Every structure is written in structure tokens, then in C-alpha cells.
Amino acid sequence: MFKLKYNSKARKFFFGTYVRTIVSFYAIFTIIGALLLMFPFSLQDNQSLSFIDAIFVSASGMSVTGLTTINISTTFSRIGLVILALIMQFGGVGLMLYLAGIWIIIGKKISIKERSMVVTDQNQLKAGGVIRLVKDVLILILTIEFIGYILLSTHFYLNNYYSFKESLFQAFFHTISLFTNCGLDIFGDSLISFANNKDYFMITIAMVLIFLGSVGYWVLVETKDYFIAKFRGQKFRFSIFVKLIFPMHIFLYLLGASLFIIFEVNHFLFDKNIIDIIFHSFFMSLTTRNAGFSTMDVSQISDSTQLLFMALMFIGASPI
């Protein structure tokens, strides 16, 4: 009797509401991720990982924060990095969204409670059309990431950055990190080397992936619906949310880039050509609100730009 009563209280505490259930799921998966990262097959030879470091990296990946207490490129094996990439994927896209996708694939009937959890996880206001949303979002995400993966892996290999197999792996990890806006990298210096080598193609692909991952899935879904409607000759109206969030996203993007140029024209950008100025300003304006990647050593920026970056980081990306 005591055991049943205890289990009932524990279940109610962790899974009593939609929010508690979602938080509990994320906590459980974060712990599982940490344990997997601690296994010997996840670590390089002669490397060890404490639980506190493992849980920090797992939580950072799950919440797509991008902070780390260790050097992930020298600590984790290929298997460990794959596990970390999957953690970023589940956390960045939405754990409940993937669970709903699995339920749909196996033919499970999704209950009202489960629909409500997906709605809560994705910051939606109503449960209507949630199944369609799940299908559309997952298809869009996998399509965007697949295209990004093909472009990056081909670029790495054709430009002799890595061997063929290594190009595939580097593209796999960084496509996920860029699109989910996590900011973790195994290059060693983020995108600074690519910027120094004037690899504008790499920086452009990175910006596109970051932008598409940050603008919000609802924007992507409605944009897809818009083009389908145009192709069929049908009328289409964007929701008020998209009409508000997309222009604001673009406005902040352009404002941040413009202010970066103004503040750094006599500092970091002093000896840069016009193309470098454009790429640095647009990339840094985008990444500070969303992704955590960088094309420059931020210790070189002026105090005004530091304040700008803090403001952009505070504003953040779209809430969806």
C-alpha cells in the first residue's frame, strides 16, 4: 500500500501536468544522453569523462545552448559525437515532436493529452492540426538538413578540407549543430578559419542553415503552404503570427549587421574588404541572436559591439 501510494505521488509530481511531463521527459533524455556519453565507446583512447561534465554537455546539447566544459573534438570518439549530434537534434527540434513522429509512423493513435504535450512543447496555442504540423515540420527539417548535408560534405571534399569519409562526418555533425542553432563545433575554432580563408560558400551555407533553424517551424510550414498554393493557383494568407515574426526577424537581422559595421568600421573591420565586411556583419548579427558560431575572435570587438551583441543575445531568436 505504501509503495503504491509513493508511486502515485511520484507519478503525479513528475507527470501530473503537461508541463511537468515535458520537463520530466527532457530531464530523463538528458540523463540518458549523459550516461551514453560516459561509456568507453563514446570516448577517445585514454580519455575519461566525469558525470558532471557529461550531464553539462548533454544538457547543453539538449537545450542547444552550445556551452561546454570540455573539448568535445578531443574527448569524444566518432560514436560519442554521433550521440551528441542526436542529442542536439532531439533537443533543437523538440523531443515531443519526434516522439509524436514515431507514434505516427508506428500507427499509434495520439491521444488528446499527447497532442496537448506537443502543442505545449512547440509553443502552439491550439491542438487543432497538430498531426499535420508534426508531419510537415519533420519533413521540412529532414529535407533542409539533407540538402545542407550534401552541400557541406561535397564542399569539404572538393576543396580538400577532409578525406571523403571525414567530409561526410564533419558535414553530418555541423549540419545538425548549425540548423538546431546549438553552436557546438569540432573544427576547433568555430568558423574563423573558413572566414580567414575567405570561404564565402561555407559561411553562406552556415547562415542559411542557422536562419532556417531560427526563424521558427511555423514560418517554414506556412512558407511551404504558400508556394504550394501559388503553384496550384490558389489564394493563401499568412497567419498574423508569421506576418509579425518574420519581418521583425529580418529587421533585427539588418539592424544588427548595420550597427556592427558602424561600431567596427574603425576597429575589427578597418582592414577588411567590402565582401569581408558584409559577410562578417551579417553572420555575426545572425549568430549572436541564435547560434553561437563565430567568424571572428570576439575579444577584438569594441565595447559598443559587445553591448550590441549582448542586446541581440538577450532578444534571441523566434520563440518557436
Protein backbone atom coordinates (compact mmCIF):
# COMPACT_ATOMS: atom_id res chain seq x y z
CA MET A 1 0.00 0.00 0.00
CA PHE A 2 2.82 2.42 0.92
CA LYS A 3 4.65 1.59 -2.30
CA LEU A 4 1.56 2.21 -4.42
CA LYS A 5 0.90 5.48 -2.61
CA TYR A 6 4.51 6.55 -3.07
CA ASN A 7 4.48 5.67 -6.77
CA SER A 8 1.23 7.57 -7.23
CA LYS A 9 2.66 10.70 -5.62
CA ALA A 10 5.88 10.45 -7.61
CA ARG A 11 3.96 9.96 -10.85
CA LYS A 12 1.76 12.95 -10.09
CA PHE A 13 4.78 15.09 -9.20
CA PHE A 14 6.70 14.31 -12.40
CA PHE A 15 3.84 13.69 -14.84
CA GLY A 16 0.85 15.40 -13.22
CA THR A 17 0.58 18.18 -15.82
CA TYR A 18 1.60 18.65 -19.46
CA VAL A 19 4.44 20.97 -18.49
CA ARG A 20 5.75 18.61 -15.79
CA THR A 21 5.59 15.70 -18.22
CA ILE A 22 7.57 17.58 -20.86
CA VAL A 23 10.17 18.75 -18.33
CA SER A 24 10.47 15.19 -16.99
CA PHE A 25 10.93 13.77 -20.49
CA TYR A 26 13.67 16.28 -21.26
CA ALA A 27 15.36 15.57 -17.93
CA ILE A 28 15.20 11.80 -18.50
CA PHE A 29 16.62 12.06 -22.02
CA THR A 30 19.34 14.46 -20.83
CA ILE A 31 20.43 11.97 -18.17
CA ILE A 32 20.33 9.09 -20.67
CA GLY A 33 22.43 11.18 -23.05
CA ALA A 34 24.95 11.92 -20.30
CA LEU A 35 25.26 8.23 -19.41
CA LEU A 36 25.77 7.28 -23.06
CA LEU A 37 28.49 9.93 -23.40
CA MET A 38 30.33 8.41 -20.43
CA PHE A 39 30.58 4.92 -21.94
CA PRO A 40 34.06 3.88 -23.18
CA PHE A 41 32.84 3.60 -26.78
CA SER A 42 31.89 7.28 -26.67
CA LEU A 43 35.37 8.40 -25.62
CA GLN A 44 38.70 8.52 -27.36
CA ASP A 45 41.58 6.41 -26.05
CA ASN A 46 42.94 7.49 -22.66
CA GLN A 47 40.03 9.90 -22.16
CA SER A 48 37.60 9.94 -19.27
CA LEU A 49 34.52 11.99 -18.53
CA SER A 50 33.05 12.83 -15.15
CA PHE A 51 29.30 12.73 -14.67
CA ILE A 52 29.12 16.47 -14.03
CA ASP A 53 30.86 17.19 -17.35
CA ALA A 54 28.73 14.60 -19.14
CA ILE A 55 25.47 15.99 -17.78
CA PHE A 56 26.60 19.53 -18.63
CA VAL A 57 27.40 18.66 -22.25
CA SER A 58 24.21 16.62 -22.59
CA ALA A 59 22.10 19.46 -21.15
CA SER A 60 23.90 21.96 -23.37
CA GLY A 61 23.14 19.85 -26.43
CA MET A 62 19.54 19.16 -25.42
CA SER A 63 18.87 22.84 -24.77
CA VAL A 64 21.02 23.85 -27.80
CA THR A 65 22.95 26.25 -25.57
CA GLY A 66 26.31 25.38 -27.12
CA LEU A 67 28.40 25.78 -23.97
CA THR A 68 30.82 23.04 -22.98
CA THR A 69 33.22 22.33 -20.14
CA ILE A 70 35.42 20.10 -22.29
CA ASN A 71 36.98 19.99 -25.74
CA ILE A 72 34.46 17.75 -27.48
CA SER A 73 36.64 17.12 -30.55
CA THR A 74 39.46 15.60 -28.48
CA THR A 75 37.30 13.93 -25.83
CA PHE A 76 34.64 12.08 -27.77
CA SER A 77 35.06 9.30 -30.30
CA ARG A 78 33.07 9.23 -33.52
CA ILE A 79 30.32 7.31 -31.71
CA GLY A 80 30.29 9.87 -28.91
CA LEU A 81 30.00 12.73 -31.38
CA VAL A 82 27.14 10.95 -33.15
CA ILE A 83 25.36 10.60 -29.80
CA LEU A 84 25.96 14.30 -29.10
CA ALA A 85 24.63 15.20 -32.56
CA LEU A 86 21.47 13.19 -31.89
CA ILE A 87 21.06 14.95 -28.54
CA MET A 88 21.26 18.29 -30.35
CA GLN A 89 18.79 17.08 -32.96
CA PHE A 90 16.21 15.91 -30.44
CA GLY A 91 16.64 18.98 -28.25
CA GLY A 92 16.80 21.54 -31.05
CA VAL A 93 13.81 20.27 -32.98
CA GLY A 94 11.72 19.28 -29.98
CA LEU A 95 11.62 15.99 -28.15
CA MET A 96 7.84 15.75 -28.12
CA LEU A 97 7.74 16.46 -31.85
CA TYR A 98 9.96 13.46 -32.54
CA LEU A 99 8.00 11.27 -30.16
CA ALA A 100 4.81 12.26 -31.98
CA GLY A 101 6.52 11.46 -35.27
CA ILE A 102 7.40 7.99 -34.02
CA TRP A 103 3.82 7.48 -32.82
CA ILE A 104 2.53 8.44 -36.28
CA ILE A 105 4.97 6.08 -38.05
CA ILE A 106 4.04 3.08 -35.91
CA GLY A 107 0.35 3.86 -36.31
CA LYS A 108 -0.32 4.74 -32.67
CA LYS A 109 -3.41 6.82 -32.06
CA ILE A 110 -2.32 10.08 -30.49
CA SER A 111 -4.50 11.00 -27.54
CA ILE A 112 -5.71 14.47 -26.59
CA LYS A 113 -3.14 14.53 -23.78
CA GLU A 114 -0.29 13.67 -26.14
CA ARG A 115 -1.48 16.27 -28.67
CA SER A 116 -1.57 18.85 -25.88
CA MET A 117 2.01 17.98 -24.90
CA VAL A 118 3.18 18.52 -28.48
CA VAL A 119 1.32 21.85 -28.56
CA THR A 120 2.93 22.91 -25.28
CA ASP A 121 6.40 21.76 -26.38
CA GLN A 122 6.12 23.70 -29.65
CA ASN A 123 4.59 26.82 -28.08
CA GLN A 124 1.40 26.50 -30.09
CA LEU A 125 -1.94 27.91 -28.93
CA LYS A 126 -4.31 25.16 -30.09
CA ALA A 127 -4.24 21.43 -30.68
CA GLY A 128 -6.11 21.61 -33.98
CA GLY A 129 -3.98 20.41 -36.89
CA VAL A 130 -1.18 19.20 -34.63
CA ILE A 131 -0.78 15.93 -36.57
CA ARG A 132 -0.36 17.82 -39.82
CA LEU A 133 2.08 20.17 -38.10
CA VAL A 134 4.20 17.26 -36.89
CA LYS A 135 4.33 15.69 -40.36
CA ASP A 136 5.09 18.97 -42.12
CA VAL A 137 7.77 20.05 -39.66
CA LEU A 138 9.60 16.72 -39.67
CA ILE A 139 9.56 16.52 -43.48
CA LEU A 140 10.81 20.10 -43.78
CA ILE A 141 13.52 19.60 -41.16
CA LEU A 142 14.87 16.41 -42.69
CA THR A 143 14.74 17.91 -46.20
CA ILE A 144 16.61 21.08 -45.18
CA GLU A 145 19.20 19.13 -43.21
CA PHE A 146 19.70 16.62 -46.03
CA ILE A 147 20.32 19.40 -48.56
CA GLY A 148 22.67 21.14 -46.14
CA TYR A 149 24.48 17.86 -45.51
CA ILE A 150 25.00 17.21 -49.22
CA LEU A 151 26.25 20.75 -49.85
CA LEU A 152 28.65 20.80 -46.89
CA SER A 153 30.09 17.30 -47.41
CA THR A 154 30.64 17.97 -51.11
CA HIS A 155 32.24 21.32 -50.37
CA PHE A 156 34.56 19.89 -47.72
CA TYR A 157 35.71 17.09 -50.00
CA LEU A 158 36.10 19.04 -53.27
CA ASN A 159 38.06 21.79 -51.51
CA ASN A 160 40.40 19.27 -49.83
CA TYR A 161 39.42 20.15 -46.29
CA TYR A 162 38.99 16.49 -45.34
CA SER A 163 39.04 13.00 -46.77
CA PHE A 164 35.79 11.66 -48.23
CA LYS A 165 34.71 9.82 -45.05
CA GLU A 166 35.75 12.69 -42.81
CA SER A 167 33.88 15.16 -45.04
CA LEU A 168 30.72 13.12 -44.59
CA PHE A 169 31.10 13.05 -40.83
CA GLN A 170 32.02 16.74 -40.47
CA ALA A 171 29.02 17.68 -42.59
CA PHE A 172 26.74 15.42 -40.54
CA PHE A 173 27.74 16.93 -37.19
CA HIS A 174 27.84 20.56 -38.27
CA THR A 175 24.66 20.48 -40.34
CA ILE A 176 22.78 19.47 -37.19
CA SER A 177 24.63 21.95 -34.99
CA LEU A 178 24.02 24.80 -37.45
CA PHE A 179 20.36 24.06 -38.13
CA THR A 180 19.47 23.50 -34.48
CA ASN A 181 21.43 26.65 -33.60
CA CYS A 182 23.41 24.77 -30.97
CA GLY A 183 26.81 26.28 -31.75
CA LEU A 184 28.94 23.26 -30.85
CA ASP A 185 31.71 22.57 -33.35
CA ILE A 186 34.57 20.13 -33.88
CA PHE A 187 36.52 22.43 -36.20
CA GLY A 188 38.43 23.78 -33.21
CA ASP A 189 37.86 27.47 -33.88
CA SER A 190 34.22 27.69 -34.95
CA LEU A 191 34.12 29.20 -38.46
CA ILE A 192 37.09 31.54 -38.03
CA SER A 193 39.39 29.52 -40.30
CA PHE A 194 36.78 29.48 -43.06
CA ALA A 195 36.39 33.26 -42.76
CA ASN A 196 40.17 33.77 -42.82
CA ASN A 197 40.35 31.59 -45.95
CA LYS A 198 37.56 33.69 -47.48
CA ASP A 199 35.39 30.62 -47.88
CA TYR A 200 32.22 32.57 -48.54
CA PHE A 201 30.33 29.49 -49.73
CA MET A 202 30.77 27.75 -46.38
CA ILE A 203 29.72 30.87 -44.47
CA THR A 204 26.70 31.34 -46.72
CA ILE A 205 25.50 27.75 -46.20
CA ALA A 206 26.06 28.19 -42.46
CA MET A 207 23.96 31.37 -42.43
CA VAL A 208 21.15 29.76 -44.40
CA LEU A 209 21.01 26.76 -42.04
CA ILE A 210 21.12 29.00 -38.97
CA PHE A 211 18.42 31.28 -40.36
CA LEU A 212 16.08 28.46 -41.35
CA GLY A 213 16.55 26.81 -37.97
CA SER A 214 15.93 30.01 -36.03
CA VAL A 215 13.04 31.62 -37.88
CA GLY A 216 10.55 29.11 -36.48
CA TYR A 217 8.89 25.97 -37.76
CA TRP A 218 5.52 27.66 -38.12
CA VAL A 219 7.09 30.17 -40.53
CA LEU A 220 8.63 27.34 -42.55
CA VAL A 221 5.36 25.42 -42.71
CA GLU A 222 3.34 28.43 -43.84
CA THR A 223 6.01 29.36 -46.40
CA LYS A 224 5.78 25.85 -47.81
CA ASP A 225 1.98 26.12 -47.91
CA TYR A 226 2.29 29.50 -49.66
CA PHE A 227 4.40 28.12 -52.52
CA ILE A 228 2.10 25.10 -52.89
CA ALA A 229 -0.92 27.41 -53.08
CA LYS A 230 0.80 29.61 -55.66
CA PHE A 231 1.70 26.56 -57.74
CA ARG A 232 -1.95 25.45 -57.67
CA GLY A 233 -3.19 28.95 -58.43
CA GLN A 234 -4.88 29.25 -55.05
CA LYS A 235 -5.04 32.16 -52.65
CA PHE A 236 -3.10 31.94 -49.41
CA ARG A 237 -2.99 34.13 -46.31
CA PHE A 238 -0.20 34.06 -43.80
CA SER A 239 -1.19 33.98 -40.15
CA ILE A 240 -0.84 37.11 -38.05
CA PHE A 241 1.97 35.42 -36.13
CA VAL A 242 4.05 34.87 -39.28
CA LYS A 243 3.27 38.37 -40.54
CA LEU A 244 4.67 39.74 -37.29
CA ILE A 245 7.58 37.45 -36.53
CA PHE A 246 9.19 37.19 -39.97
CA PRO A 247 9.50 40.96 -40.67
CA MET A 248 10.75 41.51 -37.12
CA HIS A 249 13.31 38.76 -37.60
CA ILE A 250 14.58 40.39 -40.80
CA PHE A 251 14.54 43.85 -39.24
CA LEU A 252 16.68 42.76 -36.29
CA TYR A 253 19.00 40.91 -38.65
CA LEU A 254 19.60 44.01 -40.80
CA LEU A 255 19.76 46.33 -37.79
CA GLY A 256 22.37 44.18 -36.07
CA ALA A 257 24.50 43.98 -39.21
CA SER A 258 24.29 47.74 -39.79
CA LEU A 259 25.22 48.61 -36.22
CA PHE A 260 28.08 46.10 -36.31
CA ILE A 261 29.54 47.87 -39.36
CA ILE A 262 29.13 51.29 -37.73
CA PHE A 263 30.76 50.20 -34.47
CA GLU A 264 33.59 48.16 -36.03
CA VAL A 265 34.44 50.13 -39.16
CA ASN A 266 37.46 51.64 -37.39
CA HIS A 267 38.27 48.54 -35.35
CA PHE A 268 37.91 44.91 -36.48
CA LEU A 269 36.67 45.83 -39.97
CA PHE A 270 39.31 48.51 -40.55
CA ASP A 271 41.49 46.43 -42.92
CA LYS A 272 38.71 44.28 -44.40
CA ASN A 273 37.43 44.50 -47.97
CA ILE A 274 33.77 45.15 -48.71
CA ILE A 275 32.91 41.44 -49.16
CA ASP A 276 34.53 40.51 -45.84
CA ILE A 277 32.67 43.35 -44.14
CA ILE A 278 29.34 42.15 -45.49
CA PHE A 279 29.89 38.53 -44.50
CA HIS A 280 31.25 39.28 -41.03
CA SER A 281 28.49 41.77 -40.22
CA PHE A 282 25.61 39.63 -41.45
CA PHE A 283 26.96 36.43 -39.92
CA MET A 284 27.67 37.95 -36.51
CA SER A 285 24.29 39.70 -36.44
CA LEU A 286 22.59 36.36 -37.10
CA THR A 287 24.68 34.10 -34.89
CA THR A 288 24.58 36.27 -31.78
CA ARG A 289 20.79 36.02 -31.65
CA ASN A 290 20.66 32.35 -32.44
CA ALA A 291 23.56 30.04 -32.94
CA GLY A 292 26.78 30.74 -31.05
CA PHE A 293 29.10 30.21 -34.02
CA SER A 294 31.62 32.88 -34.94
CA THR A 295 33.73 34.09 -37.86
CA MET A 296 35.95 36.24 -35.67
CA ASP A 297 37.73 36.45 -32.35
CA VAL A 298 35.16 38.34 -30.28
CA SER A 299 37.90 39.58 -27.94
CA GLN A 300 38.82 42.01 -30.74
CA ILE A 301 35.50 43.85 -30.79
CA SER A 302 34.86 47.27 -29.27
CA ASP A 303 32.83 47.92 -26.13
CA SER A 304 29.94 49.23 -28.24
CA THR A 305 29.81 45.99 -30.22
CA GLN A 306 29.95 43.93 -27.04
CA LEU A 307 26.88 45.82 -25.82
CA LEU A 308 25.21 45.24 -29.20
CA PHE A 309 25.93 41.51 -29.04
CA MET A 310 24.56 41.30 -25.51
CA ALA A 311 21.37 43.04 -26.65
CA LEU A 312 20.98 40.66 -29.61
CA MET A 313 21.61 37.65 -27.39
CA PHE A 314 19.02 38.90 -24.93
CA ILE A 315 16.42 39.31 -27.68
CA GLY A 316 17.22 35.89 -29.05
CA ALA A 317 15.54 34.13 -31.92
CA SER A 318 11.91 33.38 -32.66
CA PRO A 319 10.18 31.66 -29.72
CA ILE A 320 9.12 28.74 -31.92
